[in-house]
C-alpha atoms as a PDB file:
ATOM      1  CA  MET A   1      66.023-160.410 280.898  1.00  0.00           C
ATOM      2  CA  ALA A   2      64.714-157.196 282.438  1.00  0.00           C
ATOM      3  CA  ASP A   3      62.307-155.165 280.369  1.00  0.00           C
ATOM      4  CA  PRO A   4      64.517-151.993 280.338  1.00  0.00           C
ATOM      5  CA  VAL A   5      67.422-154.038 278.984  1.00  0.00           C
ATOM      6  CA  THR A   6      65.196-155.583 276.334  1.00  0.00           C
ATOM      7  CA  SER A   7      63.891-152.175 275.314  1.00  0.00           C
ATOM      8  CA  ALA A   8      67.424-150.786 275.101  1.00  0.00           C
ATOM      9  CA  LEU A   9      68.522-153.674 272.912  1.00  0.00           C
ATOM     10  CA  LEU A  10      65.544-153.164 270.616  1.00  0.00           C
ATOM     11  CA  VAL A  11      66.392-149.463 270.311  1.00  0.00           C
ATOM     12  CA  ILE A  12      70.005-150.330 269.448  1.00  0.00           C
ATOM     13  CA  VAL A  13      68.806-152.870 266.877  1.00  0.00           C
ATOM     14  CA  ALA A  14      66.443-150.332 265.326  1.00  0.00           C
ATOM     15  CA  ILE A  15      69.171-147.656 265.107  1.00  0.00           C
ATOM     16  CA  ALA A  16      71.663-150.107 263.616  1.00  0.00           C
ATOM     17  CA  TYR A  17      69.067-151.325 261.122  1.00  0.00           C
ATOM     18  CA  LEU A  18      68.176-147.806 260.028  1.00  0.00           C
ATOM     19  CA  ALA A  19      71.852-146.891 259.708  1.00  0.00           C
ATOM     20  CA  GLY A  20      72.483-149.988 257.610  1.00  0.00           C
ATOM     21  CA  ALA A  21      69.455-149.239 255.443  1.00  0.00           C
ATOM     22  CA  PHE A  22      70.723-145.696 254.942  1.00  0.00           C
ATOM     23  CA  LEU A  23      74.125-146.972 253.822  1.00  0.00           C
ATOM     24  CA  VAL A  24      72.562-149.431 251.392  1.00  0.00           C
ATOM     25  CA  VAL A  25      70.246-146.807 249.888  1.00  0.00           C
ATOM     26  CA  THR A  26      73.150-144.362 249.571  1.00  0.00           C
ATOM     27  CA  ALA A  27      75.298-146.981 247.845  1.00  0.00           C
ATOM     28  CA  LEU A  28      72.446-147.827 245.465  1.00  0.00           C
ATOM     29  CA  ALA A  29      71.942-144.136 244.696  1.00  0.00           C
ATOM     30  CA  LYS A  30      75.650-143.783 243.866  1.00  0.00           C
ATOM     31  CA  VAL A  31      75.521-146.806 241.551  1.00  0.00           C
ATOM     32  CA  LEU A  32      72.455-145.425 239.757  1.00  0.00           C
ATOM     33  CA  GLY A  33      74.073-141.993 239.542  1.00  0.00           C
ATOM     34  CA  ALA A  34      77.218-143.470 237.985  1.00  0.00           C
ATOM     35  CA  TRP A  35      75.087-145.399 235.501  1.00  0.00           C
ATOM     36  CA  ALA A  36      73.133-142.275 234.579  1.00  0.00           C
ATOM     37  CA  THR A  37      76.369-140.324 234.090  1.00  0.00           C
ATOM     38  CA  SER A  38      77.769-143.055 231.848  1.00  0.00           C
ATOM     39  CA  TRP A  39      74.519-143.187 229.872  1.00  0.00           C
ATOM     40  CA  ARG A  40      74.544-139.437 229.293  1.00  0.00           C
ATOM     41  CA  THR A  41      78.097-139.623 227.984  1.00  0.00           C
ATOM     42  CA  ARG A  42      77.296-142.421 225.548  1.00  0.00           C
ATOM     43  CA  ARG A  43      74.036-140.873 224.455  1.00  0.00           C
ATOM     44  CA  HIS A  44      75.352-137.391 223.756  1.00  0.00           C
ATOM     45  CA  PRO A  45      79.024-137.641 222.777  1.00  0.00           C
ATOM     46  CA  GLU A  46      80.608-134.368 221.744  1.00  0.00           C
ATOM     47  CA  PRO A  47      83.031-134.384 218.798  1.00  0.00           C
ATOM     48  CA  VAL A  48      86.689-133.762 219.523  1.00  0.00           C
ATOM     49  CA  ASP A  49      89.690-132.942 217.393  1.00  0.00           C
ATOM     50  CA  ALA A  50      90.953-135.826 215.244  1.00  0.00           C
ATOM     51  CA  GLY A  51      94.473-135.101 216.451  1.00  0.00           C
ATOM     52  CA  LEU A  52      93.455-136.001 219.993  1.00  0.00           C
ATOM     53  CA  GLN A  53      91.985-139.272 218.748  1.00  0.00           C
ATOM     54  CA  HIS A  54      95.331-140.093 217.157  1.00  0.00           C
ATOM     55  CA  GLN A  55      97.194-139.046 220.307  1.00  0.00           C
ATOM     56  CA  ALA A  56      95.096-141.408 222.453  1.00  0.00           C
ATOM     57  CA  ALA A  57      95.556-144.303 220.043  1.00  0.00           C
ATOM     58  CA  ALA A  58      99.318-143.692 219.859  1.00  0.00           C
ATOM     59  CA  ALA A  59      99.687-143.611 223.645  1.00  0.00           C
ATOM     60  CA  MET A  60      97.757-146.860 224.022  1.00  0.00           C
ATOM     61  CA  ALA A  61      99.716-148.529 221.217  1.00  0.00           C
ATOM     62  CA  ALA A  62     103.009-147.489 222.854  1.00  0.00           C
ATOM     63  CA  VAL A  63     102.218-149.046 226.231  1.00  0.00           C
ATOM     64  CA  ALA A  64     100.645-152.137 224.667  1.00  0.00           C
ATOM     65  CA  ALA A  65     103.855-152.723 222.716  1.00  0.00           C
ATOM     66  CA  LEU A  66     105.810-152.809 225.974  1.00  0.00           C
ATOM     67  CA  VAL A  67     103.904-155.924 227.082  1.00  0.00           C
ATOM     68  CA  ASN A  68     103.404-157.325 223.584  1.00  0.00           C
ATOM     69  CA  VAL A  69      99.600-157.299 223.642  1.00  0.00           C
ATOM     70  CA  THR A  70      97.074-156.062 221.121  1.00  0.00           C
ATOM     71  CA  PRO A  71      96.114-152.493 222.028  1.00  0.00           C
ATOM     72  CA  PRO A  72      92.434-151.989 222.804  1.00  0.00           C
ATOM     73  CA  ALA A  73      90.343-149.562 220.810  1.00  0.00           C
ATOM     74  CA  THR A  74      90.419-145.960 221.999  1.00  0.00           C
ATOM     75  CA  ASP A  75      88.028-143.050 221.879  1.00  0.00           C
ATOM     76  CA  VAL A  76      88.079-139.447 223.071  1.00  0.00           C
ATOM     77  CA  VAL A  77      85.096-137.470 224.326  1.00  0.00           C
ATOM     78  CA  ALA A  78      84.800-133.872 225.414  1.00  0.00           C
ATOM     79  CA  TYR A  79      83.726-134.944 228.908  1.00  0.00           C
ATOM     80  CA  LEU A  80      83.446-138.212 230.745  1.00  0.00           C
ATOM     81  CA  GLY A  81      80.185-137.939 232.606  1.00  0.00           C
ATOM     82  CA  ALA A  82      78.775-134.440 232.835  1.00  0.00           C
ATOM     83  CA  PRO A  83      80.605-131.083 232.791  1.00  0.00           C
ATOM     84  CA  THR A  84      81.258-129.721 236.268  1.00  0.00           C
ATOM     85  CA  GLY A  85      80.153-126.229 235.208  1.00  0.00           C
ATOM     86  CA  ASP A  86      83.392-124.808 236.591  1.00  0.00           C
ATOM     87  CA  ASP A  87      85.840-123.375 234.045  1.00  0.00           C
ATOM     88  CA  ALA A  88      88.663-123.984 236.520  1.00  0.00           C
ATOM     89  CA  ARG A  89      87.803-127.725 236.526  1.00  0.00           C
ATOM     90  CA  PRO A  90      87.552-128.626 232.817  1.00  0.00           C
ATOM     91  CA  VAL A  91      87.196-132.370 233.449  1.00  0.00           C
ATOM     92  CA  GLY A  92      83.762-133.980 233.593  1.00  0.00           C
ATOM     93  CA  ASP A  93      82.570-135.742 236.711  1.00  0.00           C
ATOM     94  CA  GLY A  94      83.394-139.123 235.137  1.00  0.00           C
ATOM     95  CA  GLY A  95      87.157-138.743 235.480  1.00  0.00           C
ATOM     96  CA  LEU A  96      90.089-138.824 233.070  1.00  0.00           C
ATOM     97  CA  ALA A  97      89.621-142.186 231.363  1.00  0.00           C
ATOM     98  CA  VAL A  98      87.437-145.252 231.601  1.00  0.00           C
ATOM     99  CA  THR A  99      87.560-148.747 230.127  1.00  0.00           C
ATOM    100  CA  ARG A 100      84.290-150.048 228.717  1.00  0.00           C
ATOM    101  CA  PHE A 101      83.525-153.561 227.590  1.00  0.00           C
ATOM    102  CA  ARG A 102      80.903-153.995 224.912  1.00  0.00           C
ATOM    103  CA  ALA A 103      80.267-157.520 223.691  1.00  0.00           C
ATOM    104  CA  GLY A 104      83.544-158.494 225.318  1.00  0.00           C
ATOM    105  CA  ARG A 105      85.559-155.941 223.319  1.00  0.00           C
ATOM    106  CA  PRO A 106      87.322-153.252 225.385  1.00  0.00           C
ATOM    107  CA  THR A 107      87.431-149.596 224.482  1.00  0.00           C
ATOM    108  CA  VAL A 108      89.441-147.099 226.504  1.00  0.00           C
ATOM    109  CA  VAL A 109      87.710-143.711 226.468  1.00  0.00           C
ATOM    110  CA  PHE A 110      89.775-140.635 227.344  1.00  0.00           C
ATOM    111  CA  ALA A 111      88.477-137.266 228.462  1.00  0.00           C
ATOM    112  CA  GLN A 112      89.689-134.459 226.220  1.00  0.00           C
ATOM    113  CA  ALA A 113      91.187-132.573 229.172  1.00  0.00           C
ATOM    114  CA  ALA A 114      93.466-135.520 229.979  1.00  0.00           C
ATOM    115  CA  LEU A 115      95.083-135.267 226.559  1.00  0.00           C
ATOM    116  CA  THR A 116      95.341-131.478 226.489  1.00  0.00           C
ATOM    117  CA  GLY A 117      96.368-130.952 230.114  1.00  0.00           C
ATOM    118  CA  LEU A 118      98.890-133.742 230.665  1.00  0.00           C
ATOM    119  CA  SER A 119     102.385-134.236 229.297  1.00  0.00           C
ATOM    120  CA  PRO A 120     102.890-137.108 226.808  1.00  0.00           C
ATOM    121  CA  ALA A 121     104.592-139.148 229.547  1.00  0.00           C
ATOM    122  CA  ALA A 122     101.637-138.677 231.912  1.00  0.00           C
ATOM    123  CA  VAL A 123      99.203-139.614 229.133  1.00  0.00           C
ATOM    124  CA  GLN A 124     101.163-142.823 228.653  1.00  0.00           C
ATOM    125  CA  SER A 125     100.948-143.449 232.402  1.00  0.00           C
ATOM    126  CA  LEU A 126      97.182-143.029 232.189  1.00  0.00           C
ATOM    127  CA  ALA A 127      97.023-145.335 229.163  1.00  0.00           C
ATOM    128  CA  ALA A 128      99.077-147.964 230.994  1.00  0.00           C
ATOM    129  CA  HIS A 129      96.691-147.785 233.954  1.00  0.00           C
ATOM    130  CA  GLU A 130      93.696-148.429 231.694  1.00  0.00           C
ATOM    131  CA  LEU A 131      95.568-151.185 229.853  1.00  0.00           C
ATOM    132  CA  ALA A 132      95.990-152.917 233.210  1.00  0.00           C
ATOM    133  CA  HIS A 133      92.208-152.934 233.628  1.00  0.00           C
ATOM    134  CA  VAL A 134      91.840-154.453 230.157  1.00  0.00           C
ATOM    135  CA  ILE A 135      94.395-157.193 230.792  1.00  0.00           C
ATOM    136  CA  ARG A 136      93.100-158.033 234.273  1.00  0.00           C
ATOM    137  CA  ARG A 137      89.521-158.169 232.999  1.00  0.00           C
ATOM    138  CA  GLU A 138      90.411-160.397 230.042  1.00  0.00           C
ATOM    139  CA  ARG A 139      92.374-162.788 232.252  1.00  0.00           C
ATOM    140  CA  SER A 140      89.582-163.194 234.791  1.00  0.00           C
ATOM    141  CA  SER A 141      86.471-165.308 234.392  1.00  0.00           C
ATOM    142  CA  ALA A 142      82.946-163.969 234.377  1.00  0.00           C
ATOM    143  CA  ALA A 143      82.316-165.935 237.570  1.00  0.00           C
ATOM    144  CA  ALA A 144      85.178-164.150 239.301  1.00  0.00           C
ATOM    145  CA  ARG A 145      83.932-160.739 238.126  1.00  0.00           C
ATOM    146  CA  TYR A 146      80.290-161.196 239.054  1.00  0.00           C
ATOM    147  CA  GLY A 147      80.439-163.824 241.801  1.00  0.00           C
ATOM    148  CA  TRP A 148      80.218-161.140 244.480  1.00  0.00           C
ATOM    149  CA  LEU A 149      76.963-159.873 242.969  1.00  0.00           C
ATOM    150  CA  GLY A 150      75.436-163.358 242.959  1.00  0.00           C
ATOM    151  CA  GLY A 151      76.511-163.831 246.567  1.00  0.00           C
ATOM    152  CA  TYR A 152      75.066-160.461 247.524  1.00  0.00           C
ATOM    153  CA  LEU A 153      71.695-161.244 245.950  1.00  0.00           C
ATOM    154  CA  ALA A 154      71.625-164.702 247.535  1.00  0.00           C
ATOM    155  CA  LEU A 155      72.407-163.153 250.900  1.00  0.00           C
ATOM    156  CA  VAL A 156      69.627-160.583 250.586  1.00  0.00           C
ATOM    157  CA  LEU A 157      67.069-163.208 249.542  1.00  0.00           C
ATOM    158  CA  ALA A 158      68.123-165.561 252.336  1.00  0.00           C
ATOM    159  CA  GLY A 159      67.949-162.713 254.846  1.00  0.00           C
ATOM    160  CA  ALA A 160      64.487-161.704 253.636  1.00  0.00           C
ATOM    161  CA  ALA A 161      63.280-165.299 254.002  1.00  0.00           C
ATOM    162  CA  LEU A 162      64.790-165.499 257.493  1.00  0.00           C
ATOM    163  CA  THR A 163      63.123-162.263 258.529  1.00  0.00           C
ATOM    164  CA  VAL A 164      59.711-163.386 257.266  1.00  0.00           C
ATOM    165  CA  ALA A 165      60.112-166.718 259.039  1.00  0.00           C
ATOM    166  CA  ALA A 166      61.041-164.905 262.242  1.00  0.00           C
ATOM    167  CA  LEU A 167      58.008-162.640 261.968  1.00  0.00           C
ATOM    168  CA  VAL A 168      55.736-165.671 261.648  1.00  0.00           C
ATOM    169  CA  ALA A 169      57.355-168.098 264.079  1.00  0.00           C
ATOM    170  CA  ALA A 170      59.177-165.889 266.577  1.00  0.00           C
ATOM    171  CA  PRO A 171      58.376-162.165 266.312  1.00  0.00           C
ATOM    172  CA  ARG A 172      60.953-161.274 268.944  1.00  0.00           C
ATOM    173  CA  LEU A 173      63.672-162.548 266.625  1.00  0.00           C
ATOM    174  CA  ALA A 174      62.556-160.393 263.703  1.00  0.00           C
ATOM    175  CA  GLY A 175      64.648-157.406 264.830  1.00  0.00           C
ATOM    176  CA  PRO A 176      67.905-159.351 265.199  1.00  0.00           C
ATOM    177  CA  ALA A 177      67.198-161.102 261.897  1.00  0.00           C
ATOM    178  CA  LEU A 178      66.785-157.767 260.129  1.00  0.00           C
ATOM    179  CA  LEU A 179      69.950-156.463 261.785  1.00  0.00           C
ATOM    180  CA  ALA A 180      71.969-159.522 260.773  1.00  0.00           C
ATOM    181  CA  THR A 181      70.702-159.308 257.188  1.00  0.00           C
ATOM    182  CA  MET A 182      71.438-155.604 256.871  1.00  0.00           C
ATOM    183  CA  SER A 183      74.854-155.945 258.493  1.00  0.00           C
ATOM    184  CA  ALA A 184      75.800-158.694 256.063  1.00  0.00           C
ATOM    185  CA  ALA A 185      74.536-156.640 253.109  1.00  0.00           C
ATOM    186  CA  VAL A 186      76.579-153.614 254.188  1.00  0.00           C
ATOM    187  CA  ALA A 187      79.605-155.871 254.664  1.00  0.00           C
ATOM    188  CA  PHE A 188      79.220-157.145 251.103  1.00  0.00           C
ATOM    189  CA  LEU A 189      79.064-153.596 249.776  1.00  0.00           C
ATOM    190  CA  ALA A 190      82.167-152.706 251.770  1.00  0.00           C
ATOM    191  CA  LEU A 191      83.962-155.722 250.323  1.00  0.00           C
ATOM    192  CA  GLN A 192      83.043-154.634 246.796  1.00  0.00           C
ATOM    193  CA  VAL A 193      84.399-151.127 247.399  1.00  0.00           C
ATOM    194  CA  ALA A 194      87.561-152.659 248.862  1.00  0.00           C
ATOM    195  CA  PHE A 195      87.866-154.865 245.773  1.00  0.00           C
ATOM    196  CA  ASP A 196      87.509-151.834 243.474  1.00  0.00           C
ATOM    197  CA  ARG A 197      90.196-149.969 245.402  1.00  0.00           C
ATOM    198  CA  ARG A 198      92.497-152.975 245.216  1.00  0.00           C
ATOM    199  CA  GLU A 199      91.988-153.084 241.460  1.00  0.00           C
ATOM    200  CA  GLU A 200      92.908-149.414 241.157  1.00  0.00           C
ATOM    201  CA  ILE A 201      96.096-149.898 243.175  1.00  0.00           C
ATOM    202  CA  ALA A 202      96.972-152.994 241.101  1.00  0.00           C
ATOM    203  CA  ALA A 203      96.467-150.993 237.881  1.00  0.00           C
ATOM    204  CA  ASP A 204      98.646-148.180 239.251  1.00  0.00           C
ATOM    205  CA  ARG A 205     101.433-150.626 240.092  1.00  0.00           C
ATOM    206  CA  PHE A 206     101.183-152.223 236.669  1.00  0.00           C
ATOM    207  CA  ALA A 207     101.418-148.799 235.022  1.00  0.00           C
ATOM    208  CA  VAL A 208     104.447-147.582 236.977  1.00  0.00           C
ATOM    209  CA  ASP A 209     106.141-150.958 236.593  1.00  0.00           C
ATOM    210  CA  LEU A 210     105.591-150.728 232.841  1.00  0.00           C
ATOM    211  CA  THR A 211     106.658-147.120 232.309  1.00  0.00           C
ATOM    212  CA  ARG A 212     109.240-146.894 235.154  1.00  0.00           C
ATOM    213  CA  ASP A 213     108.355-143.185 235.268  1.00  0.00           C
ATOM    214  CA  LEU A 214     107.351-142.096 238.750  1.00  0.00           C
ATOM    215  CA  GLU A 215     107.449-138.413 237.781  1.00  0.00           C
ATOM    216  CA  ALA A 216     104.797-138.997 235.125  1.00  0.00           C
ATOM    217  CA  ALA A 217     102.697-140.908 237.658  1.00  0.00           C
ATOM    218  CA  ALA A 218     103.074-138.041 240.134  1.00  0.00           C
ATOM    219  CA  GLU A 219     101.963-135.541 237.476  1.00  0.00           C
ATOM    220  CA  LEU A 220      98.929-137.711 236.724  1.00  0.00           C
ATOM    221  CA  MET A 221      97.980-137.944 240.411  1.00  0.00           C
ATOM    222  CA  ARG A 222      98.366-134.173 240.873  1.00  0.00           C
ATOM    223  CA  PHE A 223      96.162-133.542 237.854  1.00  0.00           C
ATOM    224  CA  TYR A 224      93.595-136.012 239.177  1.00  0.00           C
ATOM    225  CA  GLU A 225      93.604-134.399 242.620  1.00  0.00           C
ATOM    226  CA  THR A 226      93.246-130.901 241.161  1.00  0.00           C
ATOM    227  CA  TYR A 227      90.615-131.469 238.469  1.00  0.00           C
ATOM    228  CA  VAL A 228      88.781-134.697 239.316  1.00  0.00           C
ATOM    229  CA  ALA A 229      88.790-135.303 243.081  1.00  0.00           C
ATOM    230  CA  LYS A 230      85.994-133.352 244.714  1.00  0.00           C
ATOM    231  CA  PRO A 231      87.202-130.701 247.164  1.00  0.00           C
ATOM    232  CA  LEU A 232      85.821-130.885 250.682  1.00  0.00           C
ATOM    233  CA  PRO A 233      82.959-128.415 251.236  1.00  0.00           C
ATOM    234  CA  ALA A 234      83.250-125.536 253.690  1.00  0.00           C
ATOM    235  CA  GLY A 235      80.379-126.407 256.032  1.00  0.00           C
ATOM    236  CA  ALA A 236      81.186-128.651 258.996  1.00  0.00           C
ATOM    237  CA  LEU A 237      78.255-131.028 258.452  1.00  0.00           C
ATOM    238  CA  ALA A 238      78.811-131.182 254.696  1.00  0.00           C
ATOM    239  CA  ARG A 239      82.525-131.808 255.281  1.00  0.00           C
ATOM    240  CA  VAL A 240      81.772-134.696 257.656  1.00  0.00           C
ATOM    241  CA  TRP A 241      79.389-136.227 255.122  1.00  0.00           C
ATOM    242  CA  ALA A 242      81.910-135.808 252.296  1.00  0.00           C
ATOM    243  CA  GLN A 243      84.584-137.530 254.373  1.00  0.00           C
ATOM    244  CA  LEU A 244      82.177-140.346 255.227  1.00  0.00           C
ATOM    245  CA  GLU A 245      81.362-140.746 251.549  1.00  0.00           C
ATOM    246  CA  LEU A 246      85.039-140.878 250.621  1.00  0.00           C
ATOM    247  CA  ARG A 247      85.754-143.355 253.399  1.00  0.00           C
ATOM    248  CA  TRP A 248      82.988-145.833 252.607  1.00  0.00           C
ATOM    249  CA  PHE A 249      81.936-145.391 248.981  1.00  0.00           C
ATOM    250  CA  ALA A 250      84.864-143.994 246.954  1.00  0.00           C
ATOM    251  CA  THR A 251      86.104-146.685 244.560  1.00  0.00           C
ATOM    252  CA  HIS A 252      89.367-144.807 243.902  1.00  0.00           C
ATOM    253  CA  PRO A 253      91.839-144.371 246.770  1.00  0.00           C
ATOM    254  CA  ASP A 254      93.199-140.941 247.643  1.00  0.00           C
ATOM    255  CA  PRO A 255      95.665-139.789 244.926  1.00  0.00           C
ATOM    256  CA  ARG A 256      98.441-139.297 247.470  1.00  0.00           C
ATOM    257  CA  ALA A 257      97.919-142.819 248.788  1.00  0.00           C
ATOM    258  CA  ARG A 258      98.026-144.152 245.228  1.00  0.00           C
ATOM    259  CA  LEU A 259     101.288-142.343 244.500  1.00  0.00           C
ATOM    260  CA  ALA A 260     102.812-143.619 247.748  1.00  0.00           C
ATOM    261  CA  ALA A 261     101.840-147.174 246.780  1.00  0.00           C
ATOM    262  CA  MET A 262     103.499-146.752 243.381  1.00  0.00           C
ATOM    263  CA  ARG A 263     106.640-145.342 244.960  1.00  0.00           C
ATOM    264  CA  ARG A 264     106.838-148.270 247.381  1.00  0.00           C
ATOM    265  CA  HIS A 265     106.320-150.684 244.493  1.00  0.00           C
ATOM    266  CA  LEU A 266     109.302-149.293 242.575  1.00  0.00           C
ATOM    267  CA  VAL A 267     111.476-149.455 245.693  1.00  0.00           C
ATOM    268  CA  ASP A 268     110.403-153.000 246.590  1.00  0.00           C
ATOM    269  CA  GLU A 269     110.700-154.303 243.038  1.00  0.00           C
ATOM    270  CA  PRO A 270     113.474-152.374 241.296  1.00  0.00           C
ATOM    271  CA  SER A 271     114.076-152.779 237.590  1.00  0.00           C
ATOM    272  CA  ASP A 272     116.457-155.590 236.573  1.00  0.00           C
END
């Protein structure tokens, strides 16, 4: 192979490797940021009105009764995550509700703004969505939930061993080995994001199938898009980055896509 071709291939490998490393570091930063946000919420909960606590529990009990399951515990906090600092966006950066599992026991935590800003029907739609996460989690094994993580770690370790072996035995293969390892790692991260999005769509379909109220689901998606989804920034470069982030790292699909999926579900599987 001619030297110019070899040099060009090495440059391509280096660029691809750096791009893959950037994606991995960005994904790790987002995971750590989400963990830090969750930790702040648990560490410094702000008291809310007892009436909202009762409202959350009643909404969860109502949807749980529709499928004859024991309702999970509920809680209400002033903000999920951290306040946005914008009075026009009264929801924290953690969203409207989240399901947490502690010692195997689920608790659905609602943001205060979800209970004060949504109609009772939309709150029930939100509760049904979180109930779907509870049921799907309880019906899946720990191996199914965390198998991807074990596979990811095994892949990274195997790739590191391959790269070291290439450096020692065949230095010219070290670049391709690094590229293959990084590409596989990025692919695993993409699969995990795709799995999270599939879970969100499945929970949406469960909720609309349970409530049979597409208008309430539409209200919920509009509220989510207005107060939770981050608006695209004005700058061209910042807008491109925000779109890239949404495309590759957002675990929740676009609200309009979620509503369209729910609408198709009701049309494809009408009530008996």
